[in-house]
Amino acid sequence: MRGNITSAILRRLGTYSRKNRLYFAFRELGRAIRTGFLLRYIGSVDLRRTIGAATNKSEHFNRYAQWAGFGGGGLVTAAARDEQRKMIKYNHLVANLLIFHTAIGMTRALDGIAADGFGDAVSPEGIATLSPYQTGHINRFGNYVLDMSMPPAPLPFTLPQRRQAKRQATEAVHV
């Protein structure tokens, strides 16, 4: 029964008719929900702070991804929509790989500080201010040579998937 009602509502909304009462009802419901949200937003400092922080994170990532996507001046020039989506996804992949590279470097540096006996000098509040969107150590236009015979250095931490896989492998051995 529910599927029939859903289909009927979607069919009526899909006509885009300005005379459709259901269209007007949903439009007014949307306006009421938006007004309620705006009143909560105006009245809550915590909500404004949370939304502002999330917006800043998103803007920082987008700025970093734009920096990483230097090939076309930041413009997606392909005509096909699917090609544009691919370019954006590839750009985000590159940006995320650079962020991962930076995070590993920062982790190794912090571990080095702790190993030298200065671990107390770095507070959790100080670590919270670090940003993975640094660009000074990345040479975008360099000449990179890959030596596939040399294994990469191990990560300075264990990934959750690896821990779970190790646990499953250990359990399988003990069974």
C-alpha atoms as a PDB file:
ATOM      1  CA  MET A   1       0.000   0.000   0.000  1.00  0.00           C
ATOM      2  CA  ARG A   2       2.788   2.410   0.946  1.00  0.00           C
ATOM      3  CA  GLY A   3       4.479   2.012  -2.443  1.00  0.00           C
ATOM      4  CA  ASN A   4       1.273   3.026  -4.223  1.00  0.00           C
ATOM      5  CA  ILE A   5       0.944   6.220  -2.143  1.00  0.00           C
ATOM      6  CA  THR A   6       4.591   7.090  -2.718  1.00  0.00           C
ATOM      7  CA  SER A   7       4.256   6.561  -6.453  1.00  0.00           C
ATOM      8  CA  ALA A   8       1.107   8.685  -6.580  1.00  0.00           C
ATOM      9  CA  ILE A   9       2.753  11.550  -4.664  1.00  0.00           C
ATOM     10  CA  LEU A  10       5.863  11.453  -6.856  1.00  0.00           C
ATOM     11  CA  ARG A  11       3.737  11.317  -9.998  1.00  0.00           C
ATOM     12  CA  ARG A  12       1.735  14.367  -8.899  1.00  0.00           C
ATOM     13  CA  LEU A  13       4.875  16.283  -7.909  1.00  0.00           C
ATOM     14  CA  GLY A  14       6.563  15.314 -11.171  1.00  0.00           C
ATOM     15  CA  THR A  15       4.040  17.296 -13.214  1.00  0.00           C
ATOM     16  CA  TYR A  16       5.525  20.609 -12.009  1.00  0.00           C
ATOM     17  CA  SER A  17       2.085  22.157 -12.258  1.00  0.00           C
ATOM     18  CA  ARG A  18       1.618  25.429 -10.385  1.00  0.00           C
ATOM     19  CA  LYS A  19      -2.052  24.502  -9.909  1.00  0.00           C
ATOM     20  CA  ASN A  20      -1.171  21.320  -8.018  1.00  0.00           C
ATOM     21  CA  ARG A  21      -2.318  21.571  -4.379  1.00  0.00           C
ATOM     22  CA  LEU A  22       0.188  18.960  -3.284  1.00  0.00           C
ATOM     23  CA  TYR A  23       3.001  21.068  -4.756  1.00  0.00           C
ATOM     24  CA  PHE A  24       1.821  24.099  -2.773  1.00  0.00           C
ATOM     25  CA  ALA A  25       1.442  22.017   0.417  1.00  0.00           C
ATOM     26  CA  PHE A  26       5.021  20.713   0.167  1.00  0.00           C
ATOM     27  CA  ARG A  27       6.331  24.161  -0.704  1.00  0.00           C
ATOM     28  CA  GLU A  28       4.690  25.632   2.403  1.00  0.00           C
ATOM     29  CA  LEU A  29       5.928  22.722   4.534  1.00  0.00           C
ATOM     30  CA  GLY A  30       9.448  23.395   3.257  1.00  0.00           C
ATOM     31  CA  ARG A  31       9.129  27.067   4.119  1.00  0.00           C
ATOM     32  CA  ALA A  32       7.933  26.206   7.646  1.00  0.00           C
ATOM     33  CA  ILE A  33      10.830  23.783   8.176  1.00  0.00           C
ATOM     34  CA  ARG A  34      13.318  26.366   6.876  1.00  0.00           C
ATOM     35  CA  THR A  35      11.855  29.050   9.163  1.00  0.00           C
ATOM     36  CA  GLY A  36      12.081  26.708  12.153  1.00  0.00           C
ATOM     37  CA  PHE A  37      15.703  25.927  11.348  1.00  0.00           C
ATOM     38  CA  LEU A  38      16.565  29.616  10.930  1.00  0.00           C
ATOM     39  CA  LEU A  39      15.002  30.407  14.315  1.00  0.00           C
ATOM     40  CA  ARG A  40      17.027  27.618  15.941  1.00  0.00           C
ATOM     41  CA  TYR A  41      20.154  28.881  14.132  1.00  0.00           C
ATOM     42  CA  ILE A  42      19.628  32.450  15.323  1.00  0.00           C
ATOM     43  CA  GLY A  43      18.929  31.345  18.885  1.00  0.00           C
ATOM     44  CA  SER A  44      21.767  28.845  19.328  1.00  0.00           C
ATOM     45  CA  VAL A  45      25.392  29.915  19.579  1.00  0.00           C
ATOM     46  CA  ASP A  46      26.489  26.260  19.610  1.00  0.00           C
ATOM     47  CA  LEU A  47      24.617  25.498  16.378  1.00  0.00           C
ATOM     48  CA  ARG A  48      26.152  28.530  14.644  1.00  0.00           C
ATOM     49  CA  ARG A  49      29.607  27.532  15.906  1.00  0.00           C
ATOM     50  CA  THR A  50      29.161  23.925  14.703  1.00  0.00           C
ATOM     51  CA  ILE A  51      27.934  24.977  11.266  1.00  0.00           C
ATOM     52  CA  GLY A  52      30.702  27.558  10.953  1.00  0.00           C
ATOM     53  CA  ALA A  53      33.374  25.000  11.854  1.00  0.00           C
ATOM     54  CA  ALA A  54      31.997  22.461   9.358  1.00  0.00           C
ATOM     55  CA  THR A  55      31.831  25.116   6.657  1.00  0.00           C
ATOM     56  CA  ASN A  56      35.420  26.167   7.334  1.00  0.00           C
ATOM     57  CA  LYS A  57      36.622  22.544   7.071  1.00  0.00           C
ATOM     58  CA  SER A  58      34.838  22.123   3.764  1.00  0.00           C
ATOM     59  CA  GLU A  59      36.223  25.403   2.414  1.00  0.00           C
ATOM     60  CA  HIS A  60      39.763  24.472   3.493  1.00  0.00           C
ATOM     61  CA  PHE A  61      39.517  21.116   1.720  1.00  0.00           C
ATOM     62  CA  ASN A  62      38.112  22.717  -1.435  1.00  0.00           C
ATOM     63  CA  ARG A  63      40.895  25.303  -1.464  1.00  0.00           C
ATOM     64  CA  TYR A  64      43.494  22.549  -0.981  1.00  0.00           C
ATOM     65  CA  ALA A  65      41.944  20.395  -3.728  1.00  0.00           C
ATOM     66  CA  GLN A  66      41.971  23.401  -6.048  1.00  0.00           C
ATOM     67  CA  TRP A  67      45.662  23.917  -5.257  1.00  0.00           C
ATOM     68  CA  ALA A  68      46.357  20.229  -5.953  1.00  0.00           C
ATOM     69  CA  GLY A  69      44.464  20.347  -9.267  1.00  0.00           C
ATOM     70  CA  PHE A  70      46.934  22.609 -11.040  1.00  0.00           C
ATOM     71  CA  GLY A  71      46.547  21.132 -14.533  1.00  0.00           C
ATOM     72  CA  GLY A  72      43.645  23.164 -15.867  1.00  0.00           C
ATOM     73  CA  GLY A  73      43.805  26.244 -13.704  1.00  0.00           C
ATOM     74  CA  GLY A  74      41.133  24.768 -11.464  1.00  0.00           C
ATOM     75  CA  LEU A  75      38.563  24.767 -14.265  1.00  0.00           C
ATOM     76  CA  VAL A  76      36.798  21.652 -15.451  1.00  0.00           C
ATOM     77  CA  THR A  77      36.792  22.114 -19.216  1.00  0.00           C
ATOM     78  CA  ALA A  78      35.489  18.743 -20.423  1.00  0.00           C
ATOM     79  CA  ALA A  79      32.083  18.979 -22.007  1.00  0.00           C
ATOM     80  CA  ALA A  80      30.653  15.624 -20.932  1.00  0.00           C
ATOM     81  CA  ARG A  81      29.169  15.580 -17.443  1.00  0.00           C
ATOM     82  CA  ASP A  82      30.625  12.142 -16.707  1.00  0.00           C
ATOM     83  CA  GLU A  83      34.092  13.366 -17.648  1.00  0.00           C
ATOM     84  CA  GLN A  84      33.677  16.378 -15.345  1.00  0.00           C
ATOM     85  CA  ARG A  85      32.695  14.080 -12.488  1.00  0.00           C
ATOM     86  CA  LYS A  86      35.738  11.874 -13.139  1.00  0.00           C
ATOM     87  CA  MET A  87      38.058  14.884 -13.105  1.00  0.00           C
ATOM     88  CA  ILE A  88      36.588  16.070  -9.799  1.00  0.00           C
ATOM     89  CA  LYS A  89      36.867  12.597  -8.252  1.00  0.00           C
ATOM     90  CA  TYR A  90      40.469  12.201  -9.455  1.00  0.00           C
ATOM     91  CA  ASN A  91      41.306  15.645  -8.091  1.00  0.00           C
ATOM     92  CA  HIS A  92      39.784  14.717  -4.716  1.00  0.00           C
ATOM     93  CA  LEU A  93      41.728  11.437  -4.765  1.00  0.00           C
ATOM     94  CA  VAL A  94      44.996  13.304  -5.328  1.00  0.00           C
ATOM     95  CA  ALA A  95      44.120  15.829  -2.606  1.00  0.00           C
ATOM     96  CA  ASN A  96      43.287  13.032  -0.154  1.00  0.00           C
ATOM     97  CA  LEU A  97      46.546  11.226  -0.966  1.00  0.00           C
ATOM     98  CA  LEU A  98      48.501  14.426  -0.327  1.00  0.00           C
ATOM     99  CA  ILE A  99      46.631  14.905   2.958  1.00  0.00           C
ATOM    100  CA  PHE A 100      47.457  11.301   3.931  1.00  0.00           C
ATOM    101  CA  HIS A 101      51.130  11.883   3.038  1.00  0.00           C
ATOM    102  CA  THR A 102      51.191  15.036   5.178  1.00  0.00           C
ATOM    103  CA  ALA A 103      49.445  13.320   8.100  1.00  0.00           C
ATOM    104  CA  ILE A 104      52.011  10.500   8.046  1.00  0.00           C
ATOM    105  CA  GLY A 105      54.857  13.031   8.006  1.00  0.00           C
ATOM    106  CA  MET A 106      53.308  14.925  10.914  1.00  0.00           C
ATOM    107  CA  THR A 107      52.809  11.680  12.863  1.00  0.00           C
ATOM    108  CA  ARG A 108      56.444  10.687  12.327  1.00  0.00           C
ATOM    109  CA  ALA A 109      57.608  14.141  13.429  1.00  0.00           C
ATOM    110  CA  LEU A 110      55.480  14.006  16.579  1.00  0.00           C
ATOM    111  CA  ASP A 111      56.730  10.492  17.324  1.00  0.00           C
ATOM    112  CA  GLY A 112      60.308  11.789  16.899  1.00  0.00           C
ATOM    113  CA  ILE A 113      59.616  14.590  19.373  1.00  0.00           C
ATOM    114  CA  ALA A 114      58.201  12.076  21.851  1.00  0.00           C
ATOM    115  CA  ALA A 115      61.183   9.699  21.325  1.00  0.00           C
ATOM    116  CA  ASP A 116      63.602  12.554  22.052  1.00  0.00           C
ATOM    117  CA  GLY A 117      61.946  13.004  25.447  1.00  0.00           C
ATOM    118  CA  PHE A 118      59.992  16.133  24.592  1.00  0.00           C
ATOM    119  CA  GLY A 119      56.582  14.433  24.444  1.00  0.00           C
ATOM    120  CA  ASP A 120      55.257  16.624  27.253  1.00  0.00           C
ATOM    121  CA  ALA A 121      56.010  19.742  25.180  1.00  0.00           C
ATOM    122  CA  VAL A 122      53.269  18.811  22.692  1.00  0.00           C
ATOM    123  CA  SER A 123      49.815  19.116  24.169  1.00  0.00           C
ATOM    124  CA  PRO A 124      46.591  17.675  22.725  1.00  0.00           C
ATOM    125  CA  GLU A 125      45.426  21.274  22.242  1.00  0.00           C
ATOM    126  CA  GLY A 126      48.555  21.990  20.190  1.00  0.00           C
ATOM    127  CA  ILE A 127      48.058  18.883  18.072  1.00  0.00           C
ATOM    128  CA  ALA A 128      44.430  19.904  17.463  1.00  0.00           C
ATOM    129  CA  THR A 129      45.647  23.103  15.805  1.00  0.00           C
ATOM    130  CA  LEU A 130      47.763  21.246  13.228  1.00  0.00           C
ATOM    131  CA  SER A 131      46.416  21.186   9.683  1.00  0.00           C
ATOM    132  CA  PRO A 132      46.929  18.492   7.041  1.00  0.00           C
ATOM    133  CA  TYR A 133      46.426  21.110   4.301  1.00  0.00           C
ATOM    134  CA  GLN A 134      50.059  22.234   4.237  1.00  0.00           C
ATOM    135  CA  THR A 135      51.663  22.773   0.844  1.00  0.00           C
ATOM    136  CA  GLY A 136      55.227  23.932   1.511  1.00  0.00           C
ATOM    137  CA  HIS A 137      56.734  20.420   1.546  1.00  0.00           C
ATOM    138  CA  ILE A 138      55.042  19.272  -1.681  1.00  0.00           C
ATOM    139  CA  ASN A 139      56.791  19.750  -5.008  1.00  0.00           C
ATOM    140  CA  ARG A 140      53.922  19.653  -7.501  1.00  0.00           C
ATOM    141  CA  PHE A 141      56.102  20.129 -10.565  1.00  0.00           C
ATOM    142  CA  GLY A 142      58.992  17.868  -9.572  1.00  0.00           C
ATOM    143  CA  ASN A 143      60.547  14.970 -11.388  1.00  0.00           C
ATOM    144  CA  TYR A 144      59.436  11.843  -9.552  1.00  0.00           C
ATOM    145  CA  VAL A 145      61.173   8.517 -10.000  1.00  0.00           C
ATOM    146  CA  LEU A 146      59.485   5.420  -8.637  1.00  0.00           C
ATOM    147  CA  ASP A 147      61.703   2.546  -7.549  1.00  0.00           C
ATOM    148  CA  MET A 148      59.269  -0.361  -7.436  1.00  0.00           C
ATOM    149  CA  SER A 149      61.949  -2.721  -6.084  1.00  0.00           C
ATOM    150  CA  MET A 150      62.241  -0.710  -2.860  1.00  0.00           C
ATOM    151  CA  PRO A 151      59.409  -1.378  -0.407  1.00  0.00           C
ATOM    152  CA  PRO A 152      57.796   1.678   1.179  1.00  0.00           C
ATOM    153  CA  ALA A 153      58.489   2.482   4.818  1.00  0.00           C
ATOM    154  CA  PRO A 154      55.885   1.060   7.189  1.00  0.00           C
ATOM    155  CA  LEU A 155      53.183   3.385   8.436  1.00  0.00           C
ATOM    156  CA  PRO A 156      53.825   4.872  11.885  1.00  0.00           C
ATOM    157  CA  PHE A 157      50.466   3.500  13.034  1.00  0.00           C
ATOM    158  CA  THR A 158      48.235   0.511  12.411  1.00  0.00           C
ATOM    159  CA  LEU A 159      45.187   1.025  10.240  1.00  0.00           C
ATOM    160  CA  PRO A 160      41.893  -0.281  11.695  1.00  0.00           C
ATOM    161  CA  GLN A 161      41.319  -2.580   8.713  1.00  0.00           C
ATOM    162  CA  ARG A 162      44.737  -4.145   9.180  1.00  0.00           C
ATOM    163  CA  ARG A 163      44.079  -4.733  12.883  1.00  0.00           C
ATOM    164  CA  GLN A 164      40.794  -6.439  12.082  1.00  0.00           C
ATOM    165  CA  ALA A 165      42.401  -8.552   9.334  1.00  0.00           C
ATOM    166  CA  LYS A 166      45.233  -9.550  11.707  1.00  0.00           C
ATOM    167  CA  ARG A 167      42.713 -10.481  14.403  1.00  0.00           C
ATOM    168  CA  GLN A 168      40.725 -12.598  11.934  1.00  0.00           C
ATOM    169  CA  ALA A 169      43.896 -14.283  10.699  1.00  0.00           C
ATOM    170  CA  THR A 170      44.972 -15.000  14.283  1.00  0.00           C
ATOM    171  CA  GLU A 171      41.537 -16.422  15.126  1.00  0.00           C
ATOM    172  CA  ALA A 172      41.636 -18.618  12.019  1.00  0.00           C
ATOM    173  CA  VAL A 173      45.031 -20.008  13.056  1.00  0.00           C
ATOM    174  CA  HIS A 174      43.828 -20.801  16.586  1.00  0.00           C
ATOM    175  CA  VAL A 175      40.666 -22.590  15.436  1.00  0.00           C
END
